[in-house]
Each structure stands twice: as structure tokens, then as C-alpha cells.
Amino acid sequence: MVADIQNKWFSIASFSVLFLTIMLVAYTGNYYILAVPLAYLYIVLMGVNWKTAYWIFLFTIPPSIQLGLAGETLSITLPDQPMMWLFLGLFLAMIARNPKIIPEWWWRDPLVLIVVLQFLWTIVAVIFSKMLFFSFKFLLVKTWLLVCFFVFPIWVFTEKKDFVRGFFVLLVPMLATIIVILIHHATYGFAFHKIQRAITRLYYNHVDYSTVISMFFPLLIVSCWPLIKKRNILIKSALAIVILIFIAGIGFAYARAAVVAVVFSIVIGIAMRIKLVNLVMPGFYAVIILMMAYMVPNNKFISFRPDFEHTYMRRDFADHVIATFRGTDMSSMERLYRWIAAVRMSKERPLTGFGPRTFYYYYKPHTVTSFRTYVSRNTEQSTTHNYFLYMLVEQGWPAMILYAVFMVMVFHKAQKIYHRFKDKFYRCCTMGLAMAIAVGFINNFFSELIETHKVAALFYIPLALLIILDKKSKDEQAQLEQNNLAALSPE
């Protein structure tokens, strides 16, 4: 009876707001006013059924667009960013109402411990920041990203149907963005130098675009297998078409890191299957340390400086790749220019760094001018192009070490979960999620995108789901042991 009354008043109020909005649009001619009833209905829906509102929120992430300036203070993504603010408010209200609403098993997980330590150290870095306003804004963004994508999934993804729903809720709009961009890009003849124009406002740039779709690609290949294994030929054919569209999207994004990342994810998948994934990340770190040990002493890196006149952006992707190996590709050399500056900056403030979002304002005096390229003026205000150095220079050694340890622990946990599960559905989910994180790791080795909303969603949600799957795998194992004991015990 109470529910019927609530629904009745909800309907009356909704139609009233809609009517008034239409009248305002007709009077003013401003069609943006139409957003008012949608916002109102969404807020009301959060009060009635916030889980449904969360699924709608996830659906809006891929097609959300950036409005305003691309700088630090005036940009906003719509409609997902205001939704994140709402869910942050809902989270605070839920915690205030019941401080123990987050289950104990979640707090006890080692990955949660590392994420909490990373967040606490970010607060320290913000306190000691040389530009408090930008750093505090970074902290706010980090807060609502973690709440929306790392915390809320523990209440949303509870059954198999939730994993399936989450897969399609992200797949459908993401596929739509790829098709739109491919069609737009086709009007430019799929030209390498036109990819940025083809993307429009759907993604920040072609790197952001390629990272998002390449991170979802392993989920499409691996995790959906249980969904179509016993399906008819039409469903399998539809999946094949979707996979081809994703491959086309990744290919025509013209991002080398995304291709390398997909290959690396396959390595991670194979290593997990044969129980060797614990060797991959230490091996990766060892190679990087050896390279640094070779390049840094006696300034040997100077011999790799580019020829300024012949280091420029190619207009053809094949030439772009060839130039990379020859050391005459502008974007690659610009990365070295920033990396050298970041390492030299870290010596000045090794413990707390310069503060989140401060690299651009302080790195120029630390650069080596012989590595300068045509884009070294950095009008787009981009940063280090490496997440490890990004952490090092802006939040200090503790932040970088925590991130490095965290990635080792993620793949170690994923392997344990995969081999602990007997359920094939959850095994495929675990493999796909680990491979998605692997793609994100490599893409962020050449960029710093984890704090952008679309990449953050595909980085933190898989992490949250691994923690949930860890709990489910332990419950399954305990149930199997209990069943075995029951079978062996005399009647």
C-alpha cells in the first residue's frame, strides 16, 4: 500500500516537472533545460532504487563527453561526472547511517590495504604540495573515482547475473562509440593524422580511446566465452562481428601502446594458466632496472638524444612505427624528454614529491635541452607519460613503490583465484579481469590515465571484482571441503 502511494506521488511529481520543463523550453527556446527532468528523475531513482541508478551510471560512462576547457579547472564530463558526485554523497550518507556497512572480509583483503595506503599517501602529498589547489582537486577526483568504481561494486556485483549485466552495460555503449568514431574516421579516409578529429569529444585523445577499448577487449575475448559456448550460430556470429569492430577500433586508433598492451595481456593470461604469472612482473621490473643501470651512469642516455630537425610526427602510421625504432619519432623522443626531467625532479623532493597535478608547472628547468622536440612547448599541459614516474615526481618514492608492489599483488591474487575456482564462469571472469588490468598497466606505462574517468572505471572495477571473486572462490572451496567431509563421514 505504501509502495503504491509512493509510486503514485512519484508519477504525479515526474509529470509535473516534465510539463513545466516543456513549457520553459517553449518559452525560452533553450533545449538544455530538458536535462532538468532527467536529472530530477535520476536523483529520485537513487532514493528509490540506487542499484538501478548505478547500472544507468555505468551505461553513461563510455558515451560521456567533455565540456568546457581541457585544462584543470573548467572541464567537466557529462553526464557521468555529476552522477559520481551523487554516488559520493550517497556513500557518505550510507556510512553515516551504518559505519559497518562495508563488510569485514573486504577490509581484510591485501589489495584493499594497498589502495588505502595509496590514498592516505596521496593526502600526505597534497598537504606538502607546492600547488595546493590543483593537488586538492586531484584528491577529490581520486576520492569519487575510488568510491564509485572500487567500493560500490561490492554491493552491486553479488551474483553471476550481475557480472553478465555489468559486461553488457559497458559493452553496448562502448561498441556504439567505436562505430561512431570509425564512421567519422572513414570520412577522413582513416588517415593517421585525422584520428584526433574523428574522436571528437567522446574521448580526451586517441590514447585515452585506445586504452579504454583495448582494456575491454580481453573481457570480450575471454570472459564472454561461458555466455556463448552453448549458443546458436547467430549469437556466435554477432560476437565475431563485435570482436572485429573492436580490433578495427584498436587498429585505427593508431596507438602503439594499446597493441603492445593486448600482447602483454595474452602473456599474463598464459602465465596465469601455467602458474608462472608471479615471474612476469618481477621480470618486467628487472628489465627496467637494468636499463636504468645502463643508461644513467656517466650520462650514457645523452647518446640517444634525437636529431631535432629530423624528429617529427609522421603522417603515416607505418612510418610512425619505423621512426620509433630509428629514434626519430617525435612522440617517443618527447617521452624521453619528460622522463629525464621527472627523474631529475625527483631528486629535489624524493619523499612527498611536488604534489599531484604539479609536474607541468615545474619540469621545464629540469629538462635536458638536447632531447627537445617540436612539441616540447607542451601547450596541452600533458605530464610525464609514465605512471611510475608520475607517482615518483608528484607523490614521491612511497607512492611509486606502493604502485609497483600493488601490480605484483594483483596478478598474484588473480592466479590464485583462477586456480582455486572450479566454476568455469568465474574462472573465465577472473582471467578476463586480470588481462584487462594488464592492458591498463602497459598503457599507463606510457601514459598516466588511471585518474581519467573512463580508464578509471575499467581499472578499478576489475580490481574490485577480483576482490569479490577472491571471496567467492574461498566460499566455494570451503563448501567443497564441507561436502567432501560430509560424504566421507559415516551415517
Protein backbone atom coordinates (compact mmCIF):
# COMPACT_ATOMS: atom_id res chain seq x y z
CA MET A 1 0.00 0.00 0.00
CA VAL A 2 2.79 2.43 0.97
CA ALA A 3 4.71 1.50 -2.19
CA ASP A 4 1.65 2.19 -4.35
CA ILE A 5 1.22 5.60 -2.75
CA GLN A 6 4.91 6.39 -3.28
CA ASN A 7 4.73 5.35 -6.93
CA LYS A 8 1.58 7.45 -7.41
CA TRP A 9 3.17 10.59 -5.99
CA PHE A 10 6.41 9.87 -7.88
CA SER A 11 4.43 9.71 -11.14
CA ILE A 12 2.49 12.90 -10.40
CA ALA A 13 5.67 14.78 -9.45
CA SER A 14 7.54 13.46 -12.51
CA PHE A 15 4.83 14.50 -14.97
CA SER A 16 4.56 17.87 -13.27
CA VAL A 17 8.28 18.55 -13.63
CA LEU A 18 8.21 17.31 -17.23
CA PHE A 19 5.24 19.58 -18.08
CA LEU A 20 6.87 22.63 -16.51
CA THR A 21 10.13 21.88 -18.30
CA ILE A 22 8.43 21.65 -21.70
CA MET A 23 6.71 24.98 -21.03
CA LEU A 24 10.07 26.58 -20.14
CA VAL A 25 11.69 25.19 -23.28
CA ALA A 26 8.84 26.51 -25.40
CA TYR A 27 9.09 29.92 -23.72
CA THR A 28 12.89 30.31 -23.71
CA GLY A 29 13.91 28.17 -26.70
CA ASN A 30 16.74 26.69 -24.59
CA TYR A 31 16.78 22.93 -25.13
CA TYR A 32 19.38 22.38 -22.40
CA ILE A 33 16.53 22.81 -19.92
CA LEU A 34 15.39 19.31 -20.95
CA ALA A 35 18.22 18.00 -18.78
CA VAL A 36 16.35 19.19 -15.70
CA PRO A 37 13.65 16.47 -15.62
CA LEU A 38 16.21 13.79 -16.42
CA ALA A 39 18.39 14.94 -13.53
CA TYR A 40 15.36 15.11 -11.25
CA LEU A 41 14.15 11.63 -12.19
CA TYR A 42 17.64 10.22 -11.72
CA ILE A 43 18.00 11.74 -8.26
CA VAL A 44 14.61 10.37 -7.28
CA LEU A 45 15.55 6.97 -8.70
CA MET A 46 18.66 6.95 -6.49
CA GLY A 47 16.40 7.36 -3.49
CA VAL A 48 14.03 4.62 -4.64
CA ASN A 49 16.49 2.08 -6.13
CA TRP A 50 20.10 3.19 -6.15
CA LYS A 51 21.34 -0.08 -7.69
CA THR A 52 19.33 0.58 -10.84
CA ALA A 53 20.73 4.11 -10.83
CA TYR A 54 24.23 2.62 -10.61
CA TRP A 55 23.68 0.48 -13.71
CA ILE A 56 22.46 3.57 -15.57
CA PHE A 57 25.57 5.40 -14.38
CA LEU A 58 27.86 2.66 -15.74
CA PHE A 59 25.98 2.77 -19.06
CA THR A 60 26.70 6.50 -19.43
CA ILE A 61 30.47 6.22 -18.94
CA PRO A 62 31.59 5.28 -22.49
CA PRO A 63 29.47 7.93 -24.29
CA SER A 64 30.10 10.73 -21.76
CA ILE A 65 31.64 13.80 -23.35
CA GLN A 66 33.92 16.53 -22.11
CA LEU A 67 32.55 20.06 -21.95
CA GLY A 68 34.44 23.23 -21.22
CA LEU A 69 38.16 23.75 -21.42
CA ALA A 70 40.62 20.87 -21.41
CA GLY A 71 42.55 22.48 -18.55
CA GLU A 72 42.48 21.64 -14.89
CA THR A 73 39.74 23.90 -13.58
CA LEU A 74 36.95 24.33 -16.09
CA SER A 75 36.38 20.91 -17.65
CA ILE A 76 33.54 18.53 -16.84
CA THR A 77 32.36 15.28 -18.36
CA LEU A 78 28.64 14.78 -18.85
CA PRO A 79 26.56 13.03 -17.76
CA ASP A 80 28.75 10.68 -15.70
CA GLN A 81 30.69 13.17 -13.55
CA PRO A 82 27.63 14.68 -11.79
CA MET A 83 26.47 11.09 -11.22
CA MET A 84 29.78 10.37 -9.48
CA TRP A 85 29.16 13.31 -7.18
CA LEU A 86 25.74 11.91 -6.34
CA PHE A 87 27.16 8.48 -5.56
CA LEU A 88 29.87 10.03 -3.40
CA GLY A 89 27.11 11.78 -1.44
CA LEU A 90 25.13 8.54 -1.24
CA PHE A 91 28.23 6.73 0.04
CA LEU A 92 28.77 9.30 2.78
CA ALA A 93 25.11 9.02 3.78
CA MET A 94 25.32 5.21 3.86
CA ILE A 95 28.47 5.30 6.00
CA ALA A 96 26.90 7.85 8.36
CA ARG A 97 23.85 5.65 8.75
CA ASN A 98 25.80 2.41 9.20
CA PRO A 99 29.59 2.71 9.68
CA LYS A 100 29.92 -1.08 9.34
CA ILE A 101 28.15 -1.29 6.01
CA ILE A 102 31.40 -2.30 4.27
CA PRO A 103 31.95 -6.00 5.10
CA GLU A 104 34.93 -7.08 7.16
CA TRP A 105 36.21 -9.50 4.51
CA TRP A 106 36.68 -6.53 2.17
CA TRP A 107 38.78 -4.60 4.67
CA ARG A 108 40.98 -7.65 5.31
CA ASP A 109 41.97 -8.04 1.67
CA PRO A 110 45.64 -7.08 0.97
CA LEU A 111 44.69 -5.20 -2.22
CA VAL A 112 42.33 -3.00 -0.22
CA LEU A 113 45.12 -2.33 2.26
CA ILE A 114 47.43 -1.15 -0.54
CA VAL A 115 44.72 1.05 -2.08
CA VAL A 116 44.02 2.60 1.34
CA LEU A 117 47.75 3.24 1.86
CA GLN A 118 47.97 4.80 -1.60
CA PHE A 119 45.04 7.07 -0.80
CA LEU A 120 46.48 8.08 2.58
CA TRP A 121 49.83 8.87 1.00
CA THR A 122 48.06 10.96 -1.63
CA ILE A 123 46.65 13.03 1.23
CA VAL A 124 50.19 13.46 2.58
CA ALA A 125 51.43 14.51 -0.87
CA VAL A 126 48.58 17.01 -1.15
CA ILE A 127 49.42 18.52 2.25
CA PHE A 128 53.02 19.10 1.16
CA SER A 129 52.11 20.11 -2.40
CA LYS A 130 53.66 23.16 -4.00
CA MET A 131 50.29 23.92 -5.65
CA LEU A 132 47.61 23.06 -3.12
CA PHE A 133 44.57 23.95 -5.25
CA PHE A 134 45.41 21.59 -8.15
CA SER A 135 46.50 18.85 -5.78
CA PHE A 136 43.34 19.10 -3.67
CA LYS A 137 41.23 18.90 -6.83
CA PHE A 138 43.15 15.74 -7.78
CA LEU A 139 42.36 14.29 -4.34
CA LEU A 140 38.65 14.99 -4.78
CA VAL A 141 38.62 13.31 -8.19
CA LYS A 142 40.54 10.32 -6.79
CA THR A 143 38.03 10.08 -3.95
CA TRP A 144 34.89 9.85 -6.07
CA LEU A 145 36.59 7.52 -8.57
CA LEU A 146 37.52 5.08 -5.79
CA VAL A 147 34.09 5.30 -4.19
CA CYS A 148 32.21 4.76 -7.45
CA PHE A 149 34.43 2.11 -9.04
CA PHE A 150 36.24 0.39 -6.18
CA VAL A 151 33.76 0.46 -3.29
CA PHE A 152 30.25 0.37 -4.75
CA PRO A 153 30.83 -2.84 -6.76
CA ILE A 154 30.96 -4.86 -3.52
CA TRP A 155 27.23 -4.13 -3.08
CA VAL A 156 26.29 -4.39 -6.77
CA PHE A 157 28.14 -7.45 -8.12
CA THR A 158 26.83 -10.20 -5.89
CA GLU A 159 25.61 -12.87 -8.33
CA LYS A 160 26.53 -14.22 -11.75
CA LYS A 161 23.74 -12.25 -13.37
CA ASP A 162 25.35 -9.05 -12.07
CA PHE A 163 28.63 -9.91 -13.79
CA VAL A 164 26.74 -10.59 -17.02
CA ARG A 165 24.72 -7.38 -16.70
CA GLY A 166 27.84 -5.33 -16.00
CA PHE A 167 29.52 -6.77 -19.09
CA PHE A 168 26.70 -5.75 -21.42
CA VAL A 169 26.02 -2.42 -19.68
CA LEU A 170 29.56 -1.37 -20.65
CA LEU A 171 29.80 -3.26 -23.95
CA VAL A 172 26.75 -1.77 -25.70
CA PRO A 173 27.58 1.96 -25.29
CA MET A 174 31.30 1.34 -25.83
CA LEU A 175 30.58 -0.51 -29.06
CA ALA A 176 28.39 2.40 -30.14
CA THR A 177 31.24 4.89 -29.56
CA ILE A 178 33.63 2.74 -31.59
CA ILE A 179 31.19 2.52 -34.51
CA VAL A 180 30.57 6.28 -34.43
CA ILE A 181 34.30 7.02 -34.39
CA LEU A 182 35.06 4.50 -37.15
CA ILE A 183 32.35 6.01 -39.36
CA HIS A 184 33.62 9.50 -38.64
CA HIS A 185 37.21 8.41 -39.26
CA ALA A 186 36.18 6.76 -42.55
CA THR A 187 35.12 10.18 -43.87
CA TYR A 188 38.78 11.17 -43.48
CA GLY A 189 39.99 8.02 -45.24
CA PHE A 190 41.21 6.55 -41.90
CA ALA A 191 44.15 8.96 -42.10
CA PHE A 192 46.66 8.62 -39.27
CA HIS A 193 46.81 12.35 -38.61
CA LYS A 194 43.00 12.68 -38.55
CA ILE A 195 42.26 10.25 -35.72
CA GLN A 196 42.07 13.01 -33.13
CA ARG A 197 39.44 14.87 -35.15
CA ALA A 198 37.44 11.66 -35.64
CA ILE A 199 37.24 11.05 -31.89
CA THR A 200 35.61 14.46 -31.24
CA ARG A 201 34.62 14.85 -27.56
CA LEU A 202 33.89 11.21 -26.84
CA TYR A 203 37.44 10.70 -25.52
CA TYR A 204 40.20 13.06 -24.45
CA ASN A 205 42.51 11.87 -27.23
CA HIS A 206 43.40 8.79 -29.25
CA VAL A 207 45.49 7.40 -26.38
CA ASP A 208 42.54 7.56 -23.97
CA TYR A 209 40.30 5.99 -26.64
CA SER A 210 42.71 3.16 -27.47
CA THR A 211 43.33 2.45 -23.77
CA VAL A 212 39.63 2.12 -22.95
CA ILE A 213 38.72 -0.19 -25.82
CA SER A 214 41.90 -2.27 -25.50
CA MET A 215 41.21 -2.77 -21.77
CA PHE A 216 37.73 -4.06 -22.54
CA PHE A 217 38.98 -6.29 -25.36
CA PRO A 218 40.21 -9.18 -23.13
CA LEU A 219 36.83 -9.23 -21.38
CA LEU A 220 35.23 -9.60 -24.78
CA ILE A 221 37.55 -12.43 -25.80
CA VAL A 222 37.83 -14.39 -22.56
CA SER A 223 35.07 -13.53 -20.10
CA CYS A 224 32.15 -13.79 -22.51
CA TRP A 225 33.08 -17.35 -23.56
CA PRO A 226 30.78 -19.02 -20.99
CA LEU A 227 27.93 -16.82 -22.25
CA ILE A 228 28.11 -18.05 -25.87
CA LYS A 229 29.67 -21.54 -25.58
CA LYS A 230 26.34 -23.32 -25.99
CA ARG A 231 24.57 -20.63 -28.02
CA ASN A 232 23.44 -20.82 -31.63
CA ILE A 233 25.37 -19.73 -34.67
CA LEU A 234 23.67 -16.30 -34.82
CA ILE A 235 24.89 -15.31 -31.36
CA LYS A 236 28.40 -16.57 -32.12
CA SER A 237 28.39 -14.68 -35.42
CA ALA A 238 27.27 -11.50 -33.63
CA LEU A 239 30.13 -11.91 -31.15
CA ALA A 240 32.60 -12.37 -34.01
CA ILE A 241 31.39 -9.14 -35.61
CA VAL A 242 31.73 -7.27 -32.31
CA ILE A 243 35.28 -8.61 -31.87
CA LEU A 244 36.18 -7.46 -35.41
CA ILE A 245 34.79 -3.99 -34.67
CA PHE A 246 36.94 -3.79 -31.52
CA ILE A 247 40.00 -4.93 -33.47
CA ALA A 248 39.30 -2.27 -36.08
CA GLY A 249 38.87 0.32 -33.33
CA ILE A 250 42.19 -0.59 -31.72
CA GLY A 251 43.96 -0.73 -35.07
CA PHE A 252 42.66 2.58 -36.40
CA ALA A 253 43.28 4.31 -33.07
CA TYR A 254 46.93 4.21 -34.17
CA ALA A 255 48.27 3.82 -30.62
CA ARG A 256 51.33 1.58 -30.35
CA ALA A 257 50.97 1.13 -26.58
CA ALA A 258 47.48 -0.37 -26.94
CA VAL A 259 48.73 -3.06 -29.32
CA VAL A 260 51.68 -3.88 -27.06
CA ALA A 261 49.30 -3.94 -24.09
CA VAL A 262 46.99 -6.51 -25.72
CA VAL A 263 50.02 -8.74 -26.42
CA PHE A 264 51.18 -8.33 -22.82
CA SER A 265 47.71 -9.31 -21.57
CA ILE A 266 47.95 -12.54 -23.56
CA VAL A 267 51.29 -13.21 -21.86
CA ILE A 268 49.63 -12.63 -18.48
CA GLY A 269 46.76 -14.95 -19.40
CA ILE A 270 49.08 -17.76 -20.46
CA ALA A 271 51.29 -17.24 -17.40
CA MET A 272 48.25 -17.44 -15.11
CA ARG A 273 47.11 -20.66 -16.73
CA ILE A 274 50.51 -22.36 -16.25
CA LYS A 275 51.06 -20.80 -12.80
CA LEU A 276 54.02 -18.63 -13.80
CA VAL A 277 52.47 -15.17 -13.50
CA ASN A 278 54.48 -14.45 -10.34
CA LEU A 279 57.59 -14.29 -12.54
CA VAL A 280 56.22 -11.82 -15.08
CA MET A 281 56.09 -8.58 -13.09
CA PRO A 282 59.41 -9.10 -11.24
CA GLY A 283 60.94 -9.90 -14.63
CA PHE A 284 59.42 -6.73 -16.10
CA TYR A 285 60.77 -4.62 -13.24
CA ALA A 286 64.20 -6.28 -13.54
CA VAL A 287 64.44 -5.31 -17.21
CA ILE A 288 63.55 -1.69 -16.42
CA ILE A 289 66.09 -1.55 -13.57
CA LEU A 290 68.82 -3.00 -15.80
CA MET A 291 68.05 -0.44 -18.49
CA MET A 292 68.26 2.37 -15.94
CA ALA A 293 71.51 0.94 -14.58
CA TYR A 294 72.93 1.05 -18.10
CA MET A 295 71.60 4.45 -19.14
CA VAL A 296 72.09 6.62 -16.05
CA PRO A 297 75.78 6.14 -15.04
CA ASN A 298 78.09 8.58 -16.81
CA ASN A 299 75.06 10.06 -18.60
CA LYS A 300 75.01 7.38 -21.29
CA PHE A 301 71.43 8.37 -22.12
CA ILE A 302 72.81 11.51 -23.82
CA SER A 303 73.97 9.38 -26.75
CA PHE A 304 70.29 8.64 -27.52
CA ARG A 305 69.38 12.30 -27.98
CA PRO A 306 67.30 12.98 -31.08
CA ASP A 307 68.15 14.99 -34.17
CA PHE A 308 65.83 17.95 -33.71
CA GLU A 309 65.41 18.65 -37.43
CA HIS A 310 64.52 15.05 -38.33
CA THR A 311 62.43 14.13 -35.28
CA TYR A 312 58.84 14.97 -36.06
CA MET A 313 55.33 13.47 -36.19
CA ARG A 314 54.76 11.22 -39.20
CA ARG A 315 51.57 11.40 -41.25
CA ASP A 316 51.52 7.65 -41.88
CA PHE A 317 51.29 5.01 -39.12
CA ALA A 318 53.79 2.65 -40.77
CA ASP A 319 56.34 5.47 -40.96
CA HIS A 320 55.43 6.31 -37.36
CA VAL A 321 56.34 2.78 -36.20
CA ILE A 322 59.56 2.71 -38.26
CA ALA A 323 60.57 6.09 -36.85
CA THR A 324 60.04 4.71 -33.36
CA PHE A 325 62.71 2.06 -33.88
CA ARG A 326 65.03 4.59 -35.52
CA GLY A 327 64.64 7.05 -32.64
CA THR A 328 63.26 9.76 -34.93
CA ASP A 329 59.63 9.64 -33.80
CA MET A 330 58.63 12.84 -32.05
CA SER A 331 56.20 11.38 -29.50
CA SER A 332 58.73 8.75 -28.36
CA MET A 333 61.54 11.28 -28.03
CA GLU A 334 59.25 13.69 -26.23
CA ARG A 335 58.56 10.92 -23.71
CA LEU A 336 62.30 10.59 -23.08
CA TYR A 337 62.46 14.37 -22.68
CA ARG A 338 59.78 14.23 -19.95
CA TRP A 339 61.14 11.05 -18.31
CA ILE A 340 64.60 12.57 -17.88
CA ALA A 341 63.06 15.69 -16.38
CA ALA A 342 60.95 13.60 -14.00
CA VAL A 343 63.93 11.62 -12.73
CA ARG A 344 65.91 14.80 -12.16
CA MET A 345 62.93 16.45 -10.41
CA SER A 346 62.53 13.50 -8.03
CA LYS A 347 65.93 14.25 -6.51
CA GLU A 348 64.64 17.60 -5.29
CA ARG A 349 61.59 16.24 -3.38
CA PRO A 350 62.05 12.46 -3.12
CA LEU A 351 59.67 11.75 -0.24
CA THR A 352 56.45 13.66 -0.92
CA GLY A 353 57.02 14.86 -4.48
CA PHE A 354 55.94 18.22 -5.84
CA GLY A 355 52.26 17.39 -5.32
CA PRO A 356 49.56 15.87 -7.55
CA ARG A 357 48.95 17.73 -10.81
CA THR A 358 52.09 19.89 -10.49
CA PHE A 359 54.52 18.28 -12.95
CA TYR A 360 53.73 20.65 -15.82
CA TYR A 361 54.49 23.76 -13.75
CA TYR A 362 57.93 22.68 -12.54
CA TYR A 363 59.52 20.28 -15.02
CA LYS A 364 60.95 22.68 -17.63
CA PRO A 365 64.05 23.73 -15.57
CA HIS A 366 64.91 20.04 -15.09
CA THR A 367 64.86 19.07 -18.77
CA VAL A 368 67.86 18.29 -20.95
CA THR A 369 67.56 20.61 -23.94
CA SER A 370 69.31 18.18 -26.31
CA PHE A 371 66.19 15.96 -26.08
CA ARG A 372 63.88 18.80 -27.05
CA THR A 373 61.37 18.22 -29.87
CA TYR A 374 58.92 20.33 -31.85
CA VAL A 375 56.18 19.76 -29.23
CA SER A 376 58.29 20.45 -26.15
CA ARG A 377 56.42 23.70 -25.56
CA ASN A 378 53.67 21.37 -24.28
CA THR A 379 50.69 23.61 -24.98
CA GLU A 380 48.28 20.80 -23.99
CA GLN A 381 49.87 20.71 -20.50
CA SER A 382 50.41 16.94 -20.53
CA THR A 383 52.59 15.25 -17.92
CA THR A 384 55.24 12.53 -17.63
CA HIS A 385 53.74 9.89 -19.96
CA ASN A 386 54.69 7.17 -17.48
CA TYR A 387 52.62 6.31 -14.41
CA PHE A 388 55.60 5.20 -12.32
CA LEU A 389 57.43 8.48 -12.90
CA TYR A 390 54.14 10.33 -12.50
CA MET A 391 53.84 8.88 -8.99
CA LEU A 392 57.53 9.45 -8.26
CA VAL A 393 57.70 13.11 -9.20
CA GLU A 394 54.31 14.17 -7.82
CA GLN A 395 53.91 11.92 -4.75
CA GLY A 396 57.41 10.64 -4.05
CA TRP A 397 59.09 7.25 -3.72
CA PRO A 398 56.45 5.76 -1.36
CA ALA A 399 53.69 6.26 -3.96
CA MET A 400 55.73 4.72 -6.76
CA ILE A 401 56.79 1.73 -4.64
CA LEU A 402 53.20 1.13 -3.49
CA TYR A 403 52.02 1.11 -7.11
CA ALA A 404 54.80 -1.29 -8.15
CA VAL A 405 54.04 -3.68 -5.28
CA PHE A 406 50.32 -3.37 -5.93
CA MET A 407 50.61 -4.58 -9.53
CA VAL A 408 52.62 -7.64 -8.46
CA MET A 409 49.98 -8.47 -5.84
CA VAL A 410 47.12 -8.06 -8.33
CA PHE A 411 48.37 -10.72 -10.73
CA HIS A 412 49.45 -12.99 -7.88
CA LYS A 413 45.93 -12.83 -6.45
CA ALA A 414 44.32 -13.34 -9.86
CA GLN A 415 46.32 -16.52 -10.42
CA LYS A 416 45.33 -17.91 -7.03
CA ILE A 417 41.67 -17.12 -7.64
CA TYR A 418 41.73 -18.65 -11.13
CA HIS A 419 43.14 -21.98 -9.93
CA ARG A 420 41.03 -22.05 -6.76
CA PHE A 421 37.74 -21.82 -8.67
CA LYS A 422 36.02 -24.90 -10.03
CA ASP A 423 33.21 -22.83 -11.53
CA LYS A 424 34.12 -22.23 -15.21
CA PHE A 425 32.12 -19.00 -15.42
CA TYR A 426 34.07 -17.37 -12.59
CA ARG A 427 37.36 -18.78 -13.90
CA CYS A 428 36.78 -17.03 -17.23
CA CYS A 429 35.77 -13.85 -15.43
CA THR A 430 38.96 -13.93 -13.37
CA MET A 431 41.14 -14.44 -16.43
CA GLY A 432 39.45 -11.66 -18.38
CA LEU A 433 39.64 -9.19 -15.49
CA ALA A 434 43.33 -9.89 -14.91
CA MET A 435 44.07 -9.42 -18.61
CA ALA A 436 42.10 -6.15 -18.66
CA ILE A 437 44.22 -4.86 -15.77
CA ALA A 438 47.36 -6.00 -17.63
CA VAL A 439 46.30 -3.94 -20.65
CA GLY A 440 45.77 -0.95 -18.39
CA PHE A 441 49.17 -1.44 -16.77
CA ILE A 442 51.06 -1.30 -20.09
CA ASN A 443 49.04 1.62 -21.42
CA ASN A 444 49.80 3.52 -18.23
CA PHE A 445 53.47 2.68 -18.51
CA PHE A 446 53.45 5.08 -21.46
CA SER A 447 50.80 7.46 -20.10
CA GLU A 448 49.04 8.37 -16.87
CA LEU A 449 45.36 7.73 -17.37
CA ILE A 450 44.16 5.96 -14.21
CA GLU A 451 42.65 9.18 -12.89
CA THR A 452 40.62 9.80 -16.07
CA HIS A 453 37.03 8.64 -15.60
CA LYS A 454 36.74 6.06 -18.42
CA VAL A 455 40.08 4.38 -17.78
CA ALA A 456 39.50 4.53 -14.01
CA ALA A 457 36.25 2.62 -14.46
CA LEU A 458 38.00 -0.17 -16.36
CA PHE A 459 40.90 -0.24 -13.91
CA TYR A 460 39.18 -0.08 -10.51
CA ILE A 461 36.05 -2.10 -11.29
CA PRO A 462 38.11 -5.17 -12.36
CA LEU A 463 40.18 -4.76 -9.18
CA ALA A 464 37.02 -4.63 -7.09
CA LEU A 465 35.63 -7.67 -8.89
CA LEU A 466 38.83 -9.63 -8.25
CA ILE A 467 38.39 -8.97 -4.54
CA ILE A 468 34.78 -10.14 -4.76
CA LEU A 469 35.82 -13.24 -6.74
CA ASP A 470 38.50 -14.00 -4.16
CA LYS A 471 35.78 -14.15 -1.50
CA LYS A 472 33.55 -16.28 -3.73
CA SER A 473 36.38 -18.70 -4.55
CA LYS A 474 37.16 -19.17 -0.87
CA ASP A 475 33.48 -19.76 -0.11
CA GLU A 476 33.30 -22.29 -2.94
CA GLN A 477 36.41 -24.08 -1.69
CA ALA A 478 35.05 -24.17 1.87
CA GLN A 479 31.74 -25.56 0.60
CA LEU A 480 33.51 -28.27 -1.41
CA GLU A 481 35.58 -29.27 1.61
CA GLN A 482 32.47 -29.38 3.75
CA ASN A 483 30.71 -31.55 1.15
CA ASN A 484 33.70 -33.88 0.96
CA LEU A 485 33.76 -34.26 4.73
CA ALA A 486 30.02 -34.94 4.74
CA ALA A 487 30.46 -37.59 2.06
CA LEU A 488 33.27 -39.33 3.99
CA SER A 489 31.61 -39.23 7.38
CA PRO A 490 29.64 -42.36 8.39
CA GLU A 491 25.87 -42.05 8.51
